[in-house]
Amino acid sequence: MFKLTPFILAIALSLTGFNVYAGSTPEPSSKHTYDVVHQVNINQADVESLSSLKGIGEQKAQAIIEYRTANGHFKTIDDLLEVKGIGEKVLSANVGRITI
């Protein structure tokens, strides 16, 4: 049977990022930061949610809702390009946040 000696345990913990020195606490890593990405369903979102997208203010958000009401649900994300005021730049800036 494998026996964990204090030395092996210290090495194992250090490889996982734990600080094994007595009396110290691990410091948060500044190497990685993660932003929480909120998805916006363009077939269900209200003005406030749509306005959270880059390049979409209240007027464009309202235009999206009006287009959706008049034409039915968006079938693809690219269908947003049919909304007046929404271009490739706005679409590409939000491609990771938009869902249908």
N, C-alpha and C. Protein backbone atom coordinates (compact mmCIF):
# COMPACT_ATOMS: atom_id res chain seq x y z
N MET A 1 0.84 -1.17 0.00
CA MET A 1 0.00 0.00 0.00
C MET A 1 0.89 1.23 0.00
N PHE A 2 0.48 2.27 -0.69
CA PHE A 2 1.22 3.51 -0.81
C PHE A 2 1.01 4.35 0.44
N LYS A 3 2.11 4.82 1.04
CA LYS A 3 2.03 5.62 2.26
C LYS A 3 2.41 7.06 1.95
N LEU A 4 1.52 7.99 2.36
CA LEU A 4 1.79 9.41 2.14
C LEU A 4 2.66 9.94 3.27
N THR A 5 3.88 10.22 2.94
CA THR A 5 4.75 10.84 3.92
C THR A 5 4.53 12.34 3.86
N PRO A 6 4.90 13.07 4.90
CA PRO A 6 4.72 14.52 4.85
C PRO A 6 5.39 15.17 3.64
N PHE A 7 6.53 14.64 3.23
CA PHE A 7 7.23 15.19 2.08
C PHE A 7 6.42 15.00 0.80
N ILE A 8 5.92 13.78 0.59
CA ILE A 8 5.13 13.50 -0.61
C ILE A 8 3.84 14.29 -0.59
N LEU A 9 3.21 14.41 0.59
CA LEU A 9 1.99 15.19 0.71
C LEU A 9 2.26 16.66 0.38
N ALA A 10 3.37 17.21 0.84
CA ALA A 10 3.72 18.60 0.55
C ALA A 10 3.93 18.81 -0.95
N ILE A 11 4.59 17.87 -1.60
CA ILE A 11 4.80 17.97 -3.05
C ILE A 11 3.46 17.88 -3.78
N ALA A 12 2.62 16.94 -3.38
CA ALA A 12 1.32 16.79 -4.04
C ALA A 12 0.48 18.05 -3.89
N LEU A 13 0.46 18.61 -2.71
CA LEU A 13 -0.32 19.83 -2.48
C LEU A 13 0.26 21.01 -3.24
N SER A 14 1.57 21.10 -3.32
CA SER A 14 2.16 22.22 -4.04
C SER A 14 1.88 22.14 -5.53
N LEU A 15 1.78 20.93 -6.06
CA LEU A 15 1.46 20.75 -7.48
C LEU A 15 0.02 21.16 -7.78
N THR A 16 -0.84 21.10 -6.79
CA THR A 16 -2.24 21.48 -6.99
C THR A 16 -2.47 22.95 -6.70
N GLY A 17 -1.43 23.68 -6.29
CA GLY A 17 -1.57 25.11 -6.06
C GLY A 17 -1.77 25.50 -4.61
N PHE A 18 -1.81 24.53 -3.71
CA PHE A 18 -1.97 24.85 -2.29
C PHE A 18 -0.64 25.32 -1.73
N ASN A 19 -0.71 26.29 -0.86
CA ASN A 19 0.47 26.77 -0.17
C ASN A 19 0.60 25.96 1.10
N VAL A 20 1.67 25.19 1.23
CA VAL A 20 1.81 24.26 2.34
C VAL A 20 2.63 24.82 3.49
N TYR A 21 3.03 26.05 3.43
CA TYR A 21 3.81 26.63 4.50
C TYR A 21 2.90 27.01 5.66
N ALA A 22 3.31 26.66 6.87
CA ALA A 22 2.48 26.91 8.05
C ALA A 22 2.26 28.40 8.25
N GLY A 23 1.06 28.74 8.62
CA GLY A 23 0.75 30.12 8.95
C GLY A 23 0.48 31.02 7.77
N SER A 24 0.50 30.53 6.57
CA SER A 24 0.24 31.38 5.41
C SER A 24 -1.03 30.92 4.72
N THR A 25 -1.62 31.83 4.01
CA THR A 25 -2.83 31.50 3.26
C THR A 25 -2.54 31.64 1.78
N PRO A 26 -3.20 30.86 0.97
CA PRO A 26 -2.97 30.97 -0.47
C PRO A 26 -3.41 32.34 -0.97
N GLU A 27 -2.63 32.89 -1.86
CA GLU A 27 -2.97 34.17 -2.47
C GLU A 27 -3.75 33.91 -3.75
N PRO A 28 -4.74 34.76 -4.02
CA PRO A 28 -5.47 34.58 -5.27
C PRO A 28 -4.56 34.76 -6.47
N SER A 29 -4.77 33.97 -7.47
CA SER A 29 -3.97 34.06 -8.67
C SER A 29 -4.41 35.25 -9.50
N SER A 30 -3.46 36.07 -9.90
CA SER A 30 -3.79 37.20 -10.76
C SER A 30 -3.58 36.86 -12.23
N LYS A 31 -3.12 35.64 -12.49
CA LYS A 31 -2.88 35.23 -13.87
C LYS A 31 -4.18 35.07 -14.65
N HIS A 32 -5.20 34.57 -13.98
CA HIS A 32 -6.44 34.25 -14.68
C HIS A 32 -7.59 35.04 -14.08
N THR A 33 -8.31 35.69 -14.93
CA THR A 33 -9.55 36.32 -14.51
C THR A 33 -10.64 35.81 -15.43
N TYR A 34 -11.77 35.60 -14.87
CA TYR A 34 -12.88 35.06 -15.63
C TYR A 34 -14.07 35.99 -15.51
N ASP A 35 -14.60 36.41 -16.62
CA ASP A 35 -15.80 37.22 -16.63
C ASP A 35 -17.00 36.30 -16.78
N VAL A 36 -18.00 36.60 -16.00
CA VAL A 36 -19.24 35.85 -16.14
C VAL A 36 -19.95 36.39 -17.37
N VAL A 37 -20.23 35.52 -18.29
CA VAL A 37 -20.87 35.91 -19.53
C VAL A 37 -22.35 35.56 -19.45
N HIS A 38 -23.18 36.57 -19.54
CA HIS A 38 -24.62 36.36 -19.51
C HIS A 38 -25.13 36.24 -20.94
N GLN A 39 -25.80 35.15 -21.20
CA GLN A 39 -26.37 34.91 -22.51
C GLN A 39 -27.67 35.70 -22.65
N VAL A 40 -27.92 36.19 -23.83
CA VAL A 40 -29.15 36.93 -24.12
C VAL A 40 -29.87 36.20 -25.25
N ASN A 41 -31.05 35.70 -24.93
CA ASN A 41 -31.88 35.02 -25.93
C ASN A 41 -32.65 36.10 -26.68
N ILE A 42 -32.30 36.31 -27.94
CA ILE A 42 -32.91 37.41 -28.70
C ILE A 42 -34.37 37.15 -29.04
N ASN A 43 -34.85 35.93 -28.82
CA ASN A 43 -36.26 35.64 -29.06
C ASN A 43 -37.12 35.87 -27.82
N GLN A 44 -36.50 36.09 -26.68
CA GLN A 44 -37.25 36.26 -25.45
C GLN A 44 -36.86 37.50 -24.65
N ALA A 45 -35.72 38.10 -24.94
CA ALA A 45 -35.19 39.17 -24.12
C ALA A 45 -36.03 40.44 -24.18
N ASP A 46 -36.04 41.14 -23.06
CA ASP A 46 -36.71 42.44 -23.00
C ASP A 46 -35.70 43.53 -23.34
N VAL A 47 -36.16 44.78 -23.32
CA VAL A 47 -35.30 45.92 -23.69
C VAL A 47 -34.06 45.98 -22.80
N GLU A 48 -34.23 45.77 -21.52
CA GLU A 48 -33.11 45.85 -20.59
C GLU A 48 -32.04 44.81 -20.91
N SER A 49 -32.46 43.58 -21.13
CA SER A 49 -31.50 42.51 -21.45
C SER A 49 -30.80 42.76 -22.78
N LEU A 50 -31.57 43.15 -23.78
CA LEU A 50 -30.97 43.43 -25.09
C LEU A 50 -30.00 44.61 -25.02
N SER A 51 -30.30 45.58 -24.17
CA SER A 51 -29.44 46.76 -24.03
C SER A 51 -28.11 46.43 -23.36
N SER A 52 -28.03 45.25 -22.74
CA SER A 52 -26.76 44.86 -22.11
C SER A 52 -25.73 44.40 -23.14
N LEU A 53 -26.17 44.19 -24.37
CA LEU A 53 -25.25 43.78 -25.44
C LEU A 53 -24.45 44.99 -25.91
N LYS A 54 -23.23 44.74 -26.35
CA LYS A 54 -22.35 45.81 -26.84
C LYS A 54 -22.94 46.44 -28.09
N GLY A 55 -23.03 47.78 -28.08
CA GLY A 55 -23.51 48.50 -29.24
C GLY A 55 -25.03 48.53 -29.38
N ILE A 56 -25.73 47.99 -28.38
CA ILE A 56 -27.19 47.99 -28.40
C ILE A 56 -27.70 48.89 -27.28
N GLY A 57 -28.29 49.99 -27.67
CA GLY A 57 -28.93 50.86 -26.70
C GLY A 57 -30.42 50.56 -26.64
N GLU A 58 -31.15 51.39 -25.94
CA GLU A 58 -32.59 51.16 -25.80
C GLU A 58 -33.33 51.21 -27.14
N GLN A 59 -32.93 52.14 -28.01
CA GLN A 59 -33.62 52.25 -29.31
C GLN A 59 -33.40 51.02 -30.17
N LYS A 60 -32.16 50.54 -30.23
CA LYS A 60 -31.90 49.33 -31.03
C LYS A 60 -32.55 48.11 -30.39
N ALA A 61 -32.57 48.07 -29.07
CA ALA A 61 -33.24 46.97 -28.38
C ALA A 61 -34.73 46.96 -28.72
N GLN A 62 -35.33 48.13 -28.73
CA GLN A 62 -36.74 48.24 -29.08
C GLN A 62 -36.97 47.83 -30.54
N ALA A 63 -36.03 48.20 -31.41
CA ALA A 63 -36.12 47.81 -32.83
C ALA A 63 -36.05 46.29 -32.98
N ILE A 64 -35.23 45.63 -32.17
CA ILE A 64 -35.13 44.17 -32.20
C ILE A 64 -36.47 43.55 -31.80
N ILE A 65 -37.06 44.08 -30.73
CA ILE A 65 -38.35 43.56 -30.26
C ILE A 65 -39.44 43.79 -31.30
N GLU A 66 -39.45 44.96 -31.91
CA GLU A 66 -40.45 45.27 -32.94
C GLU A 66 -40.29 44.35 -34.15
N TYR A 67 -39.04 44.12 -34.56
CA TYR A 67 -38.78 43.21 -35.69
C TYR A 67 -39.27 41.80 -35.34
N ARG A 68 -38.95 41.37 -34.14
CA ARG A 68 -39.34 40.04 -33.68
C ARG A 68 -40.87 39.90 -33.63
N THR A 69 -41.54 40.94 -33.19
CA THR A 69 -43.00 40.93 -33.12
C THR A 69 -43.62 40.86 -34.51
N ALA A 70 -43.05 41.62 -35.44
CA ALA A 70 -43.60 41.68 -36.80
C ALA A 70 -43.26 40.45 -37.64
N ASN A 71 -42.10 39.85 -37.41
CA ASN A 71 -41.61 38.79 -38.29
C ASN A 71 -41.50 37.41 -37.63
N GLY A 72 -41.78 37.32 -36.38
CA GLY A 72 -41.65 36.04 -35.68
C GLY A 72 -40.24 35.87 -35.12
N HIS A 73 -40.03 34.74 -34.49
CA HIS A 73 -38.74 34.47 -33.84
C HIS A 73 -37.60 34.45 -34.85
N PHE A 74 -36.43 34.87 -34.35
CA PHE A 74 -35.21 34.77 -35.14
C PHE A 74 -34.86 33.29 -35.27
N LYS A 75 -34.50 32.89 -36.46
CA LYS A 75 -34.12 31.49 -36.69
C LYS A 75 -32.62 31.28 -36.52
N THR A 76 -31.85 32.31 -36.84
CA THR A 76 -30.40 32.27 -36.64
C THR A 76 -29.95 33.60 -36.04
N ILE A 77 -28.80 33.62 -35.50
CA ILE A 77 -28.24 34.85 -34.95
C ILE A 77 -28.02 35.88 -36.06
N ASP A 78 -27.66 35.40 -37.25
CA ASP A 78 -27.43 36.29 -38.39
C ASP A 78 -28.69 37.04 -38.81
N ASP A 79 -29.86 36.54 -38.42
CA ASP A 79 -31.11 37.24 -38.73
C ASP A 79 -31.16 38.62 -38.09
N LEU A 80 -30.36 38.84 -37.06
CA LEU A 80 -30.30 40.18 -36.43
C LEU A 80 -29.87 41.25 -37.42
N LEU A 81 -29.13 40.85 -38.44
CA LEU A 81 -28.66 41.80 -39.44
C LEU A 81 -29.82 42.42 -40.22
N GLU A 82 -30.99 41.81 -40.15
CA GLU A 82 -32.17 42.35 -40.82
C GLU A 82 -32.78 43.53 -40.05
N VAL A 83 -32.39 43.69 -38.80
CA VAL A 83 -32.91 44.78 -37.97
C VAL A 83 -32.14 46.05 -38.31
N LYS A 84 -32.88 47.11 -38.59
CA LYS A 84 -32.24 48.38 -38.93
C LYS A 84 -31.35 48.84 -37.77
N GLY A 85 -30.11 49.17 -38.12
CA GLY A 85 -29.15 49.64 -37.12
C GLY A 85 -28.23 48.57 -36.56
N ILE A 86 -28.49 47.32 -36.92
CA ILE A 86 -27.62 46.22 -36.48
C ILE A 86 -26.77 45.79 -37.66
N GLY A 87 -25.47 45.93 -37.50
CA GLY A 87 -24.56 45.55 -38.57
C GLY A 87 -23.60 44.46 -38.12
N GLU A 88 -22.71 44.11 -39.02
CA GLU A 88 -21.72 43.06 -38.75
C GLU A 88 -20.89 43.36 -37.51
N LYS A 89 -20.52 44.62 -37.31
CA LYS A 89 -19.67 44.99 -36.18
C LYS A 89 -20.37 44.69 -34.85
N VAL A 90 -21.62 45.08 -34.75
CA VAL A 90 -22.38 44.83 -33.52
C VAL A 90 -22.59 43.33 -33.33
N LEU A 91 -22.92 42.64 -34.40
CA LEU A 91 -23.15 41.20 -34.32
C LEU A 91 -21.89 40.46 -33.87
N SER A 92 -20.76 40.78 -34.48
CA SER A 92 -19.52 40.09 -34.13
C SER A 92 -19.05 40.42 -32.71
N ALA A 93 -19.38 41.61 -32.21
CA ALA A 93 -19.00 41.98 -30.85
C ALA A 93 -19.79 41.20 -29.82
N ASN A 94 -20.92 40.64 -30.22
CA ASN A 94 -21.79 39.96 -29.28
C ASN A 94 -22.02 38.49 -29.57
N VAL A 95 -21.35 37.95 -30.52
CA VAL A 95 -21.63 36.60 -30.99
C VAL A 95 -21.56 35.56 -29.86
N GLY A 96 -20.74 35.74 -28.89
CA GLY A 96 -20.63 34.79 -27.79
C GLY A 96 -21.71 34.93 -26.74
N ARG A 97 -22.46 36.00 -26.80
CA ARG A 97 -23.50 36.26 -25.79
C ARG A 97 -24.91 36.05 -26.31
N ILE A 98 -25.08 35.95 -27.61
CA ILE A 98 -26.42 35.88 -28.19
C ILE A 98 -26.82 34.42 -28.38
N THR A 99 -28.03 34.12 -27.95
CA THR A 99 -28.61 32.80 -28.21
C THR A 99 -30.00 32.99 -28.83
N ILE A 100 -30.49 31.90 -29.42
CA ILE A 100 -31.86 31.95 -29.97
C ILE A 100 -32.69 30.85 -29.33
